[in-house]
């Protein structure tokens, strides 16, 4: 139900709905949002005891009002500007999009725990802002491929933290990881492998010129797996970050394939985007 809610009705919650429940008390915003989302998902919190327990013990903890200033202060968000109108090349589009007040989105990897009975419990992390948020986006055939929403910055944070020396990353997107890694003094170079020449062209025209450390960046147009097999073992890389799947559901096979190739090139630290969540699909 939550998957359907996020994909088909993410902007269902309106400010006046929140106001009707909280009466302006911001400390009750997350409870109000959860209550509205629960009703939209078909939970009968008032008439069904099982639904009421589920809401209290699992559902309520999913939702978080995020601090918009935290994400607007991100270095990439502050320093990299996209054109006012969409820039298109082939199947790719670079542009800006708007997240509405109280529009729901996944903001980080889910919490994974085990119940006393041994059941694996997966709790999504659903975030929202209480004001409109303009964000960067790259779209493939009209479908958002990468966005500068909290999920991207939060789930890439570990890979950015670990970046050092010679860095290799598979997948270009908006160049977020390449930018953040290049900003670190301990990073000497960032090699980006991207197979789509149109994505590279858009990036070179609109994004790369704004990098403060652009001399550290090398972009190679190649298939990730071919490069990993033929070139990666001789690259003397310190960190390799793979980010070539759209979401965890399509990442399992790709991650396993890359891990097999990584075994033939020991030495670097290998990091895989959303690895813990992708493992749920294995």
Protein backbone atom coordinates (compact mmCIF):
# COMPACT_ATOMS: atom_id res chain seq x y z
CA UNK A 1 0.00 0.00 0.00
CA UNK A 2 2.81 2.40 0.80
CA UNK A 3 4.47 1.67 -2.55
CA UNK A 4 1.22 2.51 -4.35
CA UNK A 5 0.83 5.65 -2.22
CA UNK A 6 4.34 6.86 -3.10
CA UNK A 7 4.04 6.12 -6.81
CA UNK A 8 0.48 7.23 -7.47
CA UNK A 9 -0.50 9.65 -4.72
CA UNK A 10 2.71 11.08 -3.22
CA UNK A 11 1.21 14.58 -3.18
CA UNK A 12 -2.10 13.45 -1.65
CA UNK A 13 -1.52 15.23 1.68
CA UNK A 14 -2.42 18.92 1.55
CA UNK A 15 -1.48 21.74 3.97
CA UNK A 16 -5.09 22.26 5.02
CA UNK A 17 -5.35 18.57 6.00
CA UNK A 18 -2.33 18.94 8.26
CA UNK A 19 -3.69 22.19 9.71
CA UNK A 20 -7.06 20.57 10.48
CA UNK A 21 -5.34 17.97 12.67
CA UNK A 22 -2.52 19.99 14.25
CA UNK A 23 -4.25 23.32 14.73
CA UNK A 24 -0.90 24.92 13.90
CA UNK A 25 1.10 22.86 16.44
CA UNK A 26 4.17 21.86 14.41
CA UNK A 27 5.15 19.21 16.95
CA UNK A 28 2.14 17.21 15.74
CA UNK A 29 2.98 17.46 12.03
CA UNK A 30 4.49 13.98 11.67
CA UNK A 31 1.58 12.38 13.54
CA UNK A 32 -0.90 14.24 11.36
CA UNK A 33 0.89 13.20 8.17
CA UNK A 34 1.02 9.54 9.28
CA UNK A 35 -2.68 9.61 10.17
CA UNK A 36 -3.66 10.94 6.75
CA UNK A 37 -1.36 8.49 4.94
CA UNK A 38 -2.76 5.60 7.01
CA UNK A 39 -6.30 6.48 5.99
CA UNK A 40 -5.21 6.77 2.34
CA UNK A 41 -3.66 3.30 2.57
CA UNK A 42 -6.84 1.79 4.01
CA UNK A 43 -5.89 1.40 7.67
CA UNK A 44 -8.83 1.67 10.05
CA UNK A 45 -6.99 3.14 13.02
CA UNK A 46 -10.16 3.89 15.00
CA UNK A 47 -12.30 0.82 14.32
CA UNK A 48 -9.78 -2.02 14.02
CA UNK A 49 -7.54 -2.98 16.93
CA UNK A 50 -4.96 -4.73 14.74
CA UNK A 51 -4.70 -1.70 12.46
CA UNK A 52 -4.40 0.56 15.50
CA UNK A 53 -1.50 -1.50 16.89
CA UNK A 54 0.20 -1.60 13.50
CA UNK A 55 -0.15 2.16 13.15
CA UNK A 56 1.34 2.79 16.60
CA UNK A 57 4.15 0.22 16.44
CA UNK A 58 5.25 0.34 12.79
CA UNK A 59 3.47 2.87 10.61
CA UNK A 60 3.85 6.01 12.73
CA UNK A 61 7.65 5.73 12.85
CA UNK A 62 8.03 5.79 9.06
CA UNK A 63 7.39 9.50 8.59
CA UNK A 64 9.70 12.45 9.17
CA UNK A 65 9.38 16.18 8.59
CA UNK A 66 12.78 17.07 7.14
CA UNK A 67 14.68 20.31 7.65
CA UNK A 68 14.74 21.90 4.19
CA UNK A 69 17.67 24.16 5.10
CA UNK A 70 19.88 21.10 5.63
CA UNK A 71 19.44 20.03 2.03
CA UNK A 72 19.63 23.51 0.54
CA UNK A 73 23.02 23.92 2.23
CA UNK A 74 24.43 20.88 0.42
CA UNK A 75 27.53 22.03 -1.57
CA UNK A 76 26.29 20.62 -4.87
CA UNK A 77 22.86 22.19 -4.39
CA UNK A 78 24.41 25.57 -3.56
CA UNK A 79 27.06 25.66 -6.27
CA UNK A 80 25.71 23.77 -9.28
CA UNK A 81 22.97 25.51 -11.25
CA UNK A 82 20.89 23.95 -14.02
CA UNK A 83 19.27 25.93 -16.84
CA UNK A 84 15.82 27.38 -16.25
CA UNK A 85 14.41 25.36 -19.12
CA UNK A 86 15.09 21.66 -19.61
CA UNK A 87 18.23 20.72 -21.55
CA UNK A 88 17.74 17.58 -23.63
CA UNK A 89 20.06 15.22 -25.46
CA UNK A 90 18.91 11.89 -26.84
CA UNK A 91 16.80 10.14 -24.22
CA UNK A 92 18.18 12.31 -21.41
CA UNK A 93 16.90 15.56 -19.92
CA UNK A 94 18.59 17.78 -17.34
CA UNK A 95 16.35 20.19 -15.49
CA UNK A 96 14.71 21.34 -12.28
CA UNK A 97 11.57 19.99 -10.66
CA UNK A 98 9.42 21.00 -7.69
CA UNK A 99 8.56 18.88 -4.68
CA UNK A 100 5.29 20.22 -3.23
CA UNK A 101 4.74 20.93 0.47
CA UNK A 102 3.91 17.62 2.19
CA UNK A 103 4.71 15.56 -0.91
CA UNK A 104 6.02 12.20 0.27
CA UNK A 105 9.29 10.58 -0.84
CA UNK A 106 11.73 7.96 0.38
CA UNK A 107 14.55 9.85 2.07
CA UNK A 108 17.00 7.08 3.03
CA UNK A 109 17.59 3.34 3.17
CA UNK A 110 14.91 1.55 5.20
CA UNK A 111 15.39 0.37 8.74
CA UNK A 112 15.90 -3.40 8.81
CA UNK A 113 15.36 -5.33 12.03
CA UNK A 114 14.37 -8.79 13.22
CA UNK A 115 11.35 -9.44 15.42
CA UNK A 116 11.54 -11.74 18.48
CA UNK A 117 9.95 -14.44 16.33
CA UNK A 118 12.68 -14.12 13.70
CA UNK A 119 10.66 -12.19 11.14
CA UNK A 120 12.64 -9.63 9.09
CA UNK A 121 10.99 -6.21 9.48
CA UNK A 122 11.61 -3.61 6.78
CA UNK A 123 10.44 -0.10 7.67
CA UNK A 124 10.65 2.51 4.88
CA UNK A 125 11.86 6.00 5.70
CA UNK A 126 9.33 8.44 4.25
CA UNK A 127 10.12 12.14 4.35
CA UNK A 128 8.40 15.37 3.42
CA UNK A 129 8.98 19.12 3.62
CA UNK A 130 6.47 21.68 4.82
CA UNK A 131 7.33 24.05 1.97
CA UNK A 132 8.07 23.68 -1.73
CA UNK A 133 11.55 22.38 -2.62
CA UNK A 134 13.14 22.91 -6.04
CA UNK A 135 15.57 20.15 -6.93
CA UNK A 136 17.91 19.08 -9.75
CA UNK A 137 16.83 16.11 -11.85
CA UNK A 138 18.06 14.01 -14.74
CA UNK A 139 15.35 12.10 -16.61
CA UNK A 140 15.55 9.17 -19.00
CA UNK A 141 12.70 9.20 -21.51
CA UNK A 142 10.70 11.37 -19.12
CA UNK A 143 11.31 9.16 -16.08
CA UNK A 144 13.33 10.57 -13.21
CA UNK A 145 16.62 8.67 -13.15
CA UNK A 146 18.45 10.69 -10.52
CA UNK A 147 17.26 13.60 -8.42
CA UNK A 148 18.85 15.80 -5.81
CA UNK A 149 16.21 14.85 -3.27
CA UNK A 150 17.28 13.75 0.23
CA UNK A 151 17.41 10.08 -0.75
CA UNK A 152 20.29 10.72 -3.15
CA UNK A 153 22.39 12.77 -0.75
CA UNK A 154 21.69 10.52 2.24
CA UNK A 155 22.36 7.21 0.49
CA UNK A 156 25.54 8.51 -1.16
CA UNK A 157 26.95 9.98 2.05
CA UNK A 158 28.99 6.90 3.03
CA UNK A 159 30.60 6.65 -0.41
CA UNK A 160 31.47 10.35 -0.27
CA UNK A 161 32.92 9.92 3.22
CA UNK A 162 35.13 7.01 2.10
CA UNK A 163 36.40 8.72 -1.09
CA UNK A 164 40.19 9.13 -1.14
CA UNK A 165 43.12 8.88 -3.50
CA UNK A 166 42.15 7.66 -6.96
CA UNK A 167 38.38 7.21 -7.16
CA UNK A 168 36.45 5.29 -9.81
CA UNK A 169 32.68 5.59 -10.12
CA UNK A 170 30.34 3.73 -12.45
CA UNK A 171 27.37 5.89 -13.47
CA UNK A 172 27.29 9.65 -14.08
CA UNK A 173 23.76 10.93 -13.43
CA UNK A 174 23.97 14.56 -12.33
CA UNK A 175 27.60 14.12 -11.38
CA UNK A 176 26.70 14.48 -7.71
CA UNK A 177 29.12 11.86 -6.42
CA UNK A 178 31.91 13.03 -8.73
CA UNK A 179 31.47 16.59 -7.49
CA UNK A 180 31.39 15.70 -3.80
CA UNK A 181 34.39 13.39 -4.10
CA UNK A 182 36.42 15.93 -6.10
CA UNK A 183 35.88 18.56 -3.39
CA UNK A 184 37.85 16.46 -0.89
CA UNK A 185 41.56 17.38 -0.61
CA UNK A 186 42.48 13.73 -0.08
CA UNK A 187 41.00 12.78 -3.48
CA UNK A 188 43.53 13.12 -6.31
CA UNK A 189 41.33 12.01 -9.23
CA UNK A 190 37.79 10.89 -10.04
CA UNK A 191 37.26 8.63 -13.05
CA UNK A 192 33.64 8.42 -14.17
CA UNK A 193 32.53 5.58 -16.46
CA UNK A 194 29.27 6.30 -18.29
CA UNK A 195 28.03 4.42 -21.33
CA UNK A 196 25.66 7.05 -22.78
CA UNK A 197 27.38 9.73 -24.86
CA UNK A 198 24.36 12.06 -24.69
CA UNK A 199 24.39 12.02 -20.88
CA UNK A 200 28.09 12.84 -20.99
CA UNK A 201 27.54 15.65 -23.49
CA UNK A 202 24.84 17.28 -21.34
CA UNK A 203 27.02 16.97 -18.26
CA UNK A 204 30.05 18.49 -19.99
CA UNK A 205 28.00 21.43 -21.26
CA UNK A 206 25.88 22.32 -18.24
CA UNK A 207 27.46 20.85 -15.11
CA UNK A 208 31.20 20.16 -15.37
CA UNK A 209 32.17 23.81 -16.06
CA UNK A 210 30.82 24.66 -12.60
CA UNK A 211 33.07 22.15 -10.80
CA UNK A 212 35.72 23.90 -8.73
CA UNK A 213 38.01 20.86 -9.05
CA UNK A 214 37.19 19.95 -12.66
CA UNK A 215 40.82 19.07 -13.39
CA UNK A 216 40.40 16.03 -11.16
CA UNK A 217 37.58 14.65 -13.32
CA UNK A 218 38.04 12.15 -16.15
CA UNK A 219 34.96 10.90 -17.99
CA UNK A 220 35.15 7.69 -20.01
CA UNK A 221 32.35 6.61 -22.35
CA UNK A 222 32.23 2.86 -21.86
CA UNK A 223 30.13 -0.01 -20.58
CA UNK A 224 30.63 -0.40 -16.83
CA UNK A 225 31.10 -4.17 -16.91
CA UNK A 226 33.48 -4.16 -19.85
CA UNK A 227 35.56 -1.47 -18.15
CA UNK A 228 35.50 -3.35 -14.84
CA UNK A 229 36.69 -6.52 -16.53
CA UNK A 230 39.35 -5.13 -18.85
CA UNK A 231 40.63 -1.90 -17.30
CA UNK A 232 39.75 -1.72 -13.62
CA UNK A 233 42.37 -4.30 -12.52
CA UNK A 234 45.14 -2.06 -13.94
CA UNK A 235 43.76 1.23 -12.68
CA UNK A 236 45.34 1.33 -9.22
CA UNK A 237 42.15 2.78 -7.77
CA UNK A 238 41.65 3.28 -4.05
CA UNK A 239 37.84 3.44 -3.99
CA UNK A 240 35.29 2.13 -6.50
CA UNK A 241 31.67 3.26 -6.21
CA UNK A 242 29.00 1.56 -8.34
CA UNK A 243 25.74 3.42 -8.94
CA UNK A 244 24.21 2.07 -12.16
CA UNK A 245 20.73 0.92 -11.10
CA UNK A 246 17.59 2.99 -10.81
CA UNK A 247 16.40 1.53 -7.50
CA UNK A 248 16.95 -1.55 -5.31
CA UNK A 249 14.47 -3.71 -7.24
CA UNK A 250 16.57 -3.65 -10.42
CA UNK A 251 19.95 -3.63 -8.69
CA UNK A 252 20.39 -7.19 -7.44
CA UNK A 253 21.60 -8.84 -10.65
CA UNK A 254 23.78 -5.85 -11.58
CA UNK A 255 25.39 -5.68 -8.13
CA UNK A 256 26.21 -9.39 -8.11
CA UNK A 257 27.75 -9.14 -11.57
CA UNK A 258 29.93 -6.21 -10.50
CA UNK A 259 30.97 -7.98 -7.29
CA UNK A 260 32.12 -10.97 -9.34
CA UNK A 261 34.33 -8.68 -11.43
CA UNK A 262 35.59 -6.91 -8.30
CA UNK A 263 36.92 -10.22 -6.98
CA UNK A 264 39.31 -10.26 -9.94
CA UNK A 265 40.64 -6.80 -9.06
CA UNK A 266 41.47 -6.86 -5.34
CA UNK A 267 42.86 -3.77 -3.70
CA UNK A 268 40.31 -0.96 -3.86
CA UNK A 269 37.49 -0.49 -1.39
CA UNK A 270 34.28 -1.36 -3.24
CA UNK A 271 31.06 0.44 -2.37
CA UNK A 272 27.66 -0.27 -3.94
CA UNK A 273 24.78 2.18 -3.91
CA UNK A 274 21.90 0.99 -1.68
CA UNK A 275 23.72 -2.28 -1.00
CA UNK A 276 21.83 -3.14 2.20
CA UNK A 277 18.48 -2.59 0.52
CA UNK A 278 19.49 -4.38 -2.68
CA UNK A 279 20.43 -7.39 -0.54
CA UNK A 280 16.76 -7.71 0.43
CA UNK A 281 16.05 -8.71 -3.17
CA UNK A 282 18.66 -11.48 -3.24
